[in-house]
Amino acid sequence: MKKLTILITTILISLSSQAQQIDYYLDSGYIAEGYDVTEYFNNKTVEGSKSYVTTHDGAKYKFTSQANLDTFKANPDKYVPQYGGYCAYALATNGKKVDADPETFEIRDGKLYMFYNSWGKNTLKSWKKEGPSTLKPKADRNWENVKYKS
């Protein structure tokens, strides 16, 4: 029985160490290109400082102050961008991970969603026009298929 317990424990440790890592959009090495994710919930886009950095789930975050860093650490899941910080609209409409603009975002149902906004294409506008209640479930399903690093 003791050998069986050791074998099972060894297998579980081996499997957990091989768990796949979620693929976060880390332009410049940080979530949201280094913008303070807690400030989005104040409807602000503010770049964080290298003085206030933490890592959560393998991704680095910057903050504007120790207070914001502490707020994040107290409840990181509240502030982590949905879909790894990739464009929510692109995930909903074509199932692909597309870069997001850190200044184009929406807080919906207490969650942070990021969007592509470049070359005259603002996907947040498309998201709102086409209806988040229709698009979000599609993005959720598609994210399940692409969320892990390949």
Protein backbone atom coordinates (compact mmCIF):
# COMPACT_ATOMS: atom_id res chain seq x y z
CA MET A 1 0.00 0.00 0.00
CA LYS A 2 2.85 2.35 0.85
CA LYS A 3 4.48 1.73 -2.55
CA LEU A 4 1.17 2.41 -4.30
CA THR A 5 0.78 5.71 -2.45
CA ILE A 6 4.32 6.73 -3.41
CA LEU A 7 3.69 5.76 -7.04
CA ILE A 8 0.44 7.73 -7.23
CA THR A 9 2.05 10.76 -5.58
CA THR A 10 4.96 10.62 -8.04
CA ILE A 11 2.59 10.43 -11.01
CA LEU A 12 0.49 13.36 -9.75
CA ILE A 13 3.57 15.52 -9.19
CA SER A 14 4.84 14.65 -12.65
CA LEU A 15 1.53 15.53 -14.29
CA SER A 16 1.15 18.81 -12.41
CA SER A 17 4.64 19.90 -13.42
CA GLN A 18 3.69 19.31 -17.06
CA ALA A 19 0.48 21.36 -16.87
CA GLN A 20 0.04 23.73 -19.74
CA GLN A 21 0.62 27.43 -19.22
CA ILE A 22 -2.00 29.92 -20.35
CA ASP A 23 -0.76 32.09 -23.21
CA TYR A 24 -0.91 35.73 -22.14
CA TYR A 25 -0.42 38.65 -24.50
CA LEU A 26 2.84 40.05 -23.12
CA ASP A 27 3.96 42.82 -25.44
CA SER A 28 6.95 44.53 -23.83
CA GLY A 29 7.07 41.61 -21.40
CA TYR A 30 4.03 42.69 -19.35
CA ILE A 31 0.27 42.14 -19.33
CA ALA A 32 -1.54 45.08 -20.97
CA GLU A 33 1.82 46.38 -22.23
CA GLY A 34 2.66 47.41 -18.67
CA TYR A 35 -0.51 49.38 -17.94
CA ASP A 36 -1.83 49.11 -14.39
CA VAL A 37 -4.72 46.61 -14.59
CA THR A 38 -6.28 47.88 -11.36
CA GLU A 39 -6.71 51.35 -12.88
CA TYR A 40 -8.94 50.00 -15.64
CA PHE A 41 -11.53 49.42 -12.94
CA ASN A 42 -11.38 53.19 -12.24
CA ASN A 43 -11.98 53.72 -15.98
CA LYS A 44 -8.39 54.93 -16.42
CA THR A 45 -5.49 53.84 -18.60
CA VAL A 46 -2.29 54.49 -16.69
CA GLU A 47 1.13 53.01 -17.38
CA GLY A 48 2.63 51.15 -14.46
CA SER A 49 6.11 51.61 -13.01
CA LYS A 50 9.01 49.16 -12.88
CA SER A 51 9.12 49.98 -9.17
CA TYR A 52 5.86 48.06 -8.62
CA VAL A 53 5.95 44.72 -10.41
CA THR A 54 4.59 41.28 -9.63
CA THR A 55 4.15 37.97 -11.41
CA HIS A 56 0.90 36.04 -11.41
CA ASP A 57 0.38 32.76 -13.26
CA GLY A 58 3.66 33.25 -15.09
CA ALA A 59 2.80 36.73 -16.40
CA LYS A 60 4.35 40.01 -15.21
CA TYR A 61 2.27 43.05 -14.20
CA LYS A 62 3.25 46.66 -13.52
CA PHE A 63 1.42 49.05 -11.20
CA THR A 64 1.44 52.76 -10.48
CA SER A 65 1.76 52.38 -6.72
CA GLN A 66 2.31 49.95 -3.88
CA ALA A 67 -1.37 50.34 -2.99
CA ASN A 68 -2.43 49.15 -6.46
CA LEU A 69 0.05 46.28 -6.33
CA ASP A 70 -1.36 45.25 -2.94
CA THR A 71 -4.93 45.52 -4.30
CA PHE A 72 -4.00 43.20 -7.16
CA LYS A 73 -2.26 40.70 -4.89
CA ALA A 74 -5.33 40.55 -2.62
CA ASN A 75 -7.55 39.38 -5.51
CA PRO A 76 -5.57 38.85 -8.74
CA ASP A 77 -8.33 36.95 -10.54
CA LYS A 78 -10.49 40.07 -10.46
CA TYR A 79 -7.92 42.08 -12.44
CA VAL A 80 -6.44 39.57 -14.89
CA PRO A 81 -7.66 40.48 -18.38
CA GLN A 82 -10.02 38.00 -19.97
CA TYR A 83 -8.61 35.82 -22.76
CA GLY A 84 -5.05 36.43 -21.62
CA GLY A 85 -5.26 40.09 -22.64
CA TYR A 86 -5.85 39.28 -26.30
CA CYS A 87 -8.59 41.00 -28.30
CA ALA A 88 -12.00 39.73 -27.15
CA TYR A 89 -13.66 40.60 -30.46
CA ALA A 90 -11.13 38.65 -32.55
CA LEU A 91 -11.57 35.61 -30.32
CA ALA A 92 -15.34 35.82 -30.72
CA THR A 93 -15.40 36.32 -34.47
CA ASN A 94 -12.50 34.22 -35.76
CA GLY A 95 -11.15 32.27 -32.80
CA LYS A 96 -7.69 33.79 -33.13
CA LYS A 97 -5.38 35.46 -30.63
CA VAL A 98 -4.90 39.04 -31.84
CA ASP A 99 -2.89 41.77 -30.09
CA ALA A 100 -4.87 44.26 -28.03
CA ASP A 101 -4.38 47.98 -27.52
CA PRO A 102 -3.92 48.67 -23.79
CA GLU A 103 -5.97 51.86 -24.10
CA THR A 104 -8.99 50.11 -25.65
CA PHE A 105 -10.86 48.15 -23.02
CA GLU A 106 -14.21 47.48 -21.40
CA ILE A 107 -15.18 46.44 -17.90
CA ARG A 108 -18.19 44.15 -18.23
CA ASP A 109 -19.71 42.16 -15.39
CA GLY A 110 -16.68 42.97 -13.23
CA LYS A 111 -14.17 41.60 -15.77
CA LEU A 112 -11.57 43.35 -17.95
CA TYR A 113 -11.78 42.88 -21.72
CA MET A 114 -9.14 44.21 -24.11
CA PHE A 115 -9.53 45.10 -27.81
CA TYR A 116 -7.50 45.71 -30.95
CA ASN A 117 -7.46 49.35 -32.08
CA SER A 118 -5.17 50.27 -34.96
CA TRP A 119 -5.18 51.19 -38.63
CA GLY A 120 -8.73 52.57 -38.38
CA LYS A 121 -10.13 49.37 -36.87
CA ASN A 122 -11.47 49.70 -33.31
CA THR A 123 -12.86 46.30 -32.38
CA LEU A 124 -14.40 47.64 -29.15
CA LYS A 125 -16.85 49.58 -31.32
CA SER A 126 -17.61 46.42 -33.29
CA TRP A 127 -18.00 44.44 -30.05
CA LYS A 128 -20.56 46.92 -28.74
CA LYS A 129 -22.39 47.22 -32.08
CA GLU A 130 -22.67 43.46 -32.65
CA GLY A 131 -23.59 42.75 -29.04
CA PRO A 132 -21.39 41.50 -26.22
CA SER A 133 -24.16 39.15 -25.03
CA THR A 134 -23.83 37.28 -28.35
CA LEU A 135 -20.07 37.62 -28.80
CA LYS A 136 -18.87 36.82 -25.27
CA PRO A 137 -20.08 33.18 -25.26
CA LYS A 138 -18.36 32.66 -28.63
CA ALA A 139 -15.13 34.18 -27.30
CA ASP A 140 -15.37 32.00 -24.18
CA ARG A 141 -15.70 28.82 -26.31
CA ASN A 142 -12.92 29.84 -28.69
CA TRP A 143 -10.58 30.76 -25.83
CA GLU A 144 -10.85 27.21 -24.51
CA ASN A 145 -9.35 26.00 -27.81
CA VAL A 146 -6.43 28.46 -27.99
CA LYS A 147 -5.59 29.54 -24.46
CA TYR A 148 -2.55 27.37 -23.91
CA LYS A 149 0.90 28.08 -25.25
CA SER A 150 1.74 25.82 -28.13
